[in-house]
C-alpha atoms as a PDB file:
ATOM      1  CA  GLN A   1     248.599  67.434  11.683  1.00  0.00           C
ATOM      2  CA  VAL A   2     246.411  67.184   8.629  1.00  0.00           C
ATOM      3  CA  GLN A   3     244.073  64.355   7.664  1.00  0.00           C
ATOM      4  CA  LEU A   4     243.480  63.763   3.968  1.00  0.00           C
ATOM      5  CA  VAL A   5     240.564  61.985   2.327  1.00  0.00           C
ATOM      6  CA  GLU A   6     240.393  61.283  -1.396  1.00  0.00           C
ATOM      7  CA  SER A   7     237.184  60.790  -3.337  1.00  0.00           C
ATOM      8  CA  GLY A   8     235.979  60.645  -6.906  1.00  0.00           C
ATOM      9  CA  GLY A   9     237.572  57.440  -8.096  1.00  0.00           C
ATOM     10  CA  GLY A  10     235.686  54.812 -10.028  1.00  0.00           C
ATOM     11  CA  LEU A  11     235.394  52.839 -13.223  1.00  0.00           C
ATOM     12  CA  VAL A  12     235.576  54.688 -16.533  1.00  0.00           C
ATOM     13  CA  GLN A  13     236.076  53.709 -20.147  1.00  0.00           C
ATOM     14  CA  ALA A  14     239.227  54.624 -22.001  1.00  0.00           C
ATOM     15  CA  GLY A  15     239.020  58.185 -23.229  1.00  0.00           C
ATOM     16  CA  GLY A  16     236.761  59.200 -20.370  1.00  0.00           C
ATOM     17  CA  SER A  17     237.302  61.620 -17.515  1.00  0.00           C
ATOM     18  CA  LEU A  18     237.288  61.617 -13.746  1.00  0.00           C
ATOM     19  CA  ARG A  19     237.762  64.319 -11.159  1.00  0.00           C
ATOM     20  CA  LEU A  20     239.412  63.360  -7.911  1.00  0.00           C
ATOM     21  CA  SER A  21     239.117  65.450  -4.781  1.00  0.00           C
ATOM     22  CA  CYS A  22     241.291  65.505  -1.699  1.00  0.00           C
ATOM     23  CA  GLY A  23     239.709  67.060   1.346  1.00  0.00           C
ATOM     24  CA  ALA A  24     241.761  68.086   4.336  1.00  0.00           C
ATOM     25  CA  SER A  25     240.896  68.454   7.987  1.00  0.00           C
ATOM     26  CA  GLY A  26     242.818  69.197  11.138  1.00  0.00           C
ATOM     27  CA  SER A  27     244.983  71.855   9.549  1.00  0.00           C
ATOM     28  CA  THR A  28     244.947  74.607   6.976  1.00  0.00           C
ATOM     29  CA  LEU A  29     245.791  73.178   3.578  1.00  0.00           C
ATOM     30  CA  SER A  30     247.381  76.425   2.408  1.00  0.00           C
ATOM     31  CA  THR A  31     250.486  75.635   4.475  1.00  0.00           C
ATOM     32  CA  TYR A  32     251.242  72.493   2.459  1.00  0.00           C
ATOM     33  CA  VAL A  33     252.631  71.739  -0.925  1.00  0.00           C
ATOM     34  CA  MET A  34     250.279  69.093  -2.273  1.00  0.00           C
ATOM     35  CA  GLY A  35     250.873  66.166  -4.556  1.00  0.00           C
ATOM     36  CA  TRP A  36     249.050  63.310  -6.208  1.00  0.00           C
ATOM     37  CA  PHE A  37     250.719  59.937  -6.533  1.00  0.00           C
ATOM     38  CA  ARG A  38     249.476  56.651  -7.856  1.00  0.00           C
ATOM     39  CA  GLN A  39     250.308  53.002  -7.445  1.00  0.00           C
ATOM     40  CA  ALA A  40     249.326  50.271  -9.847  1.00  0.00           C
ATOM     41  CA  PRO A  41     249.339  46.593  -8.851  1.00  0.00           C
ATOM     42  CA  GLY A  42     252.871  45.242  -8.721  1.00  0.00           C
ATOM     43  CA  LYS A  43     254.413  48.639  -9.362  1.00  0.00           C
ATOM     44  CA  GLU A  44     256.128  51.304  -7.324  1.00  0.00           C
ATOM     45  CA  ARG A  45     254.229  54.372  -6.191  1.00  0.00           C
ATOM     46  CA  GLU A  46     254.833  57.127  -8.723  1.00  0.00           C
ATOM     47  CA  PHE A  47     254.489  60.875  -8.787  1.00  0.00           C
ATOM     48  CA  VAL A  48     251.598  62.218 -10.851  1.00  0.00           C
ATOM     49  CA  VAL A  49     251.449  65.944 -10.225  1.00  0.00           C
ATOM     50  CA  GLY A  50     252.100  68.525  -7.526  1.00  0.00           C
ATOM     51  CA  ILE A  51     251.092  72.076  -6.750  1.00  0.00           C
ATOM     52  CA  SER A  52     252.676  74.769  -4.635  1.00  0.00           C
ATOM     53  CA  ARG A  53     250.970  76.397  -1.682  1.00  0.00           C
ATOM     54  CA  ARG A  54     249.483  79.308  -3.603  1.00  0.00           C
ATOM     55  CA  SER A  55     249.092  77.465  -6.926  1.00  0.00           C
ATOM     56  CA  LEU A  56     251.924  79.430  -8.510  1.00  0.00           C
ATOM     57  CA  VAL A  57     253.823  76.317  -9.506  1.00  0.00           C
ATOM     58  CA  THR A  58     252.606  72.984 -10.825  1.00  0.00           C
ATOM     59  CA  LYS A  59     254.720  70.046 -11.822  1.00  0.00           C
ATOM     60  CA  TYR A  60     253.520  67.081 -13.870  1.00  0.00           C
ATOM     61  CA  ALA A  61     254.926  63.701 -14.679  1.00  0.00           C
ATOM     62  CA  ASP A  62     255.604  63.590 -18.417  1.00  0.00           C
ATOM     63  CA  SER A  63     252.951  60.987 -19.174  1.00  0.00           C
ATOM     64  CA  MET A  64     250.245  63.134 -17.565  1.00  0.00           C
ATOM     65  CA  LYS A  65     251.013  66.436 -19.223  1.00  0.00           C
ATOM     66  CA  GLY A  66     248.125  67.677 -21.298  1.00  0.00           C
ATOM     67  CA  ARG A  67     245.696  65.148 -19.840  1.00  0.00           C
ATOM     68  CA  PHE A  68     245.704  65.821 -16.095  1.00  0.00           C
ATOM     69  CA  THR A  69     245.192  69.113 -14.311  1.00  0.00           C
ATOM     70  CA  ILE A  70     245.770  69.817 -10.658  1.00  0.00           C
ATOM     71  CA  SER A  71     244.132  72.677  -8.816  1.00  0.00           C
ATOM     72  CA  ARG A  72     243.476  73.680  -5.252  1.00  0.00           C
ATOM     73  CA  ASP A  73     240.952  75.748  -3.365  1.00  0.00           C
ATOM     74  CA  ASN A  74     242.562  76.682  -0.086  1.00  0.00           C
ATOM     75  CA  ALA A  75     239.363  78.291   1.144  1.00  0.00           C
ATOM     76  CA  LYS A  76     237.675  74.902   0.824  1.00  0.00           C
ATOM     77  CA  ASN A  77     240.738  73.001   2.038  1.00  0.00           C
ATOM     78  CA  THR A  78     240.545  70.854  -1.072  1.00  0.00           C
ATOM     79  CA  VAL A  79     242.831  69.793  -3.892  1.00  0.00           C
ATOM     80  CA  TYR A  80     241.515  68.465  -7.187  1.00  0.00           C
ATOM     81  CA  LEU A  81     242.863  66.276  -9.943  1.00  0.00           C
ATOM     82  CA  GLN A  82     241.024  66.497 -13.240  1.00  0.00           C
ATOM     83  CA  MET A  83     241.904  63.527 -15.422  1.00  0.00           C
ATOM     84  CA  ASN A  84     240.936  63.515 -19.082  1.00  0.00           C
ATOM     85  CA  ALA A  85     241.642  61.146 -21.964  1.00  0.00           C
ATOM     86  CA  LEU A  86     242.150  58.321 -19.515  1.00  0.00           C
ATOM     87  CA  LYS A  87     244.014  55.224 -20.617  1.00  0.00           C
ATOM     88  CA  PRO A  88     243.973  51.686 -19.228  1.00  0.00           C
ATOM     89  CA  GLU A  89     247.523  52.259 -17.993  1.00  0.00           C
ATOM     90  CA  ASP A  90     246.187  55.007 -15.719  1.00  0.00           C
ATOM     91  CA  THR A  91     244.510  52.304 -13.640  1.00  0.00           C
ATOM     92  CA  ALA A  92     245.863  52.610 -10.106  1.00  0.00           C
ATOM     93  CA  VAL A  93     245.113  53.683  -6.592  1.00  0.00           C
ATOM     94  CA  TYR A  94     245.518  57.443  -6.449  1.00  0.00           C
ATOM     95  CA  TYR A  95     246.785  59.108  -3.298  1.00  0.00           C
ATOM     96  CA  CYS A  96     246.992  62.722  -2.292  1.00  0.00           C
ATOM     97  CA  ALA A  97     249.836  63.807  -0.073  1.00  0.00           C
ATOM     98  CA  ALA A  98     250.888  66.883   1.853  1.00  0.00           C
ATOM     99  CA  ASN A  99     254.395  68.259   2.215  1.00  0.00           C
ATOM    100  CA  GLN A 100     254.906  70.643   5.081  1.00  0.00           C
ATOM    101  CA  ARG A 101     258.692  70.763   5.077  1.00  0.00           C
ATOM    102  CA  SER A 102     259.518  72.453   1.817  1.00  0.00           C
ATOM    103  CA  THR A 103     258.103  75.164  -0.388  1.00  0.00           C
ATOM    104  CA  ILE A 104     258.906  73.568  -3.716  1.00  0.00           C
ATOM    105  CA  VAL A 105     256.997  70.827  -5.486  1.00  0.00           C
ATOM    106  CA  GLU A 106     258.882  67.637  -4.798  1.00  0.00           C
ATOM    107  CA  VAL A 107     258.443  64.564  -6.978  1.00  0.00           C
ATOM    108  CA  ASP A 108     259.912  62.166  -4.430  1.00  0.00           C
ATOM    109  CA  ALA A 109     257.348  60.664  -2.089  1.00  0.00           C
ATOM    110  CA  LYS A 110     259.778  60.805   0.809  1.00  0.00           C
ATOM    111  CA  TYR A 111     259.202  64.536   1.142  1.00  0.00           C
ATOM    112  CA  TYR A 112     255.488  64.143   1.788  1.00  0.00           C
ATOM    113  CA  ASP A 113     254.503  63.814   5.406  1.00  0.00           C
ATOM    114  CA  TYR A 114     250.797  63.059   5.259  1.00  0.00           C
ATOM    115  CA  TRP A 115     248.866  60.730   2.989  1.00  0.00           C
ATOM    116  CA  GLY A 116     245.272  59.893   2.287  1.00  0.00           C
ATOM    117  CA  GLN A 117     243.938  56.370   2.125  1.00  0.00           C
ATOM    118  CA  GLY A 118     243.734  56.368  -1.658  1.00  0.00           C
ATOM    119  CA  THR A 119     240.958  56.076  -4.191  1.00  0.00           C
ATOM    120  CA  GLN A 120     240.780  53.434  -6.908  1.00  0.00           C
ATOM    121  CA  VAL A 121     240.694  54.498 -10.537  1.00  0.00           C
ATOM    122  CA  THR A 122     240.013  51.778 -13.083  1.00  0.00           C
ATOM    123  CA  VAL A 123     240.078  52.491 -16.803  1.00  0.00           C
ATOM    124  CA  SER A 124     238.620  49.831 -19.047  1.00  0.00           C
ATOM    125  CA  SER A 125     239.692  49.369 -22.641  1.00  0.00           C
END
């Protein structure tokens, strides 16, 4: 079983950047497909981006393409989310998640078995 801890959230002005990290313990991260999701107040949790076990495949939600970049360093047991050109509508709690059951990048949260506690990202206008 893997434990996930997100960090790097905070308050940033529109147009700014943040880099989120998701550190894993208890298991080797390389055995999981990883994803980032977010949930804004009053809204459903939504898929942001995912990455396959060896970084060969990435999948982005349409609204994040060109602005967000996911990467992973399996040697450091860490996944990153670089967010650029942030908008107020990006304000949400961001969660990383691990999928052990499949080898493809799933966009549905139901396929992810382990979740971090989330990190708040607030973008001011």
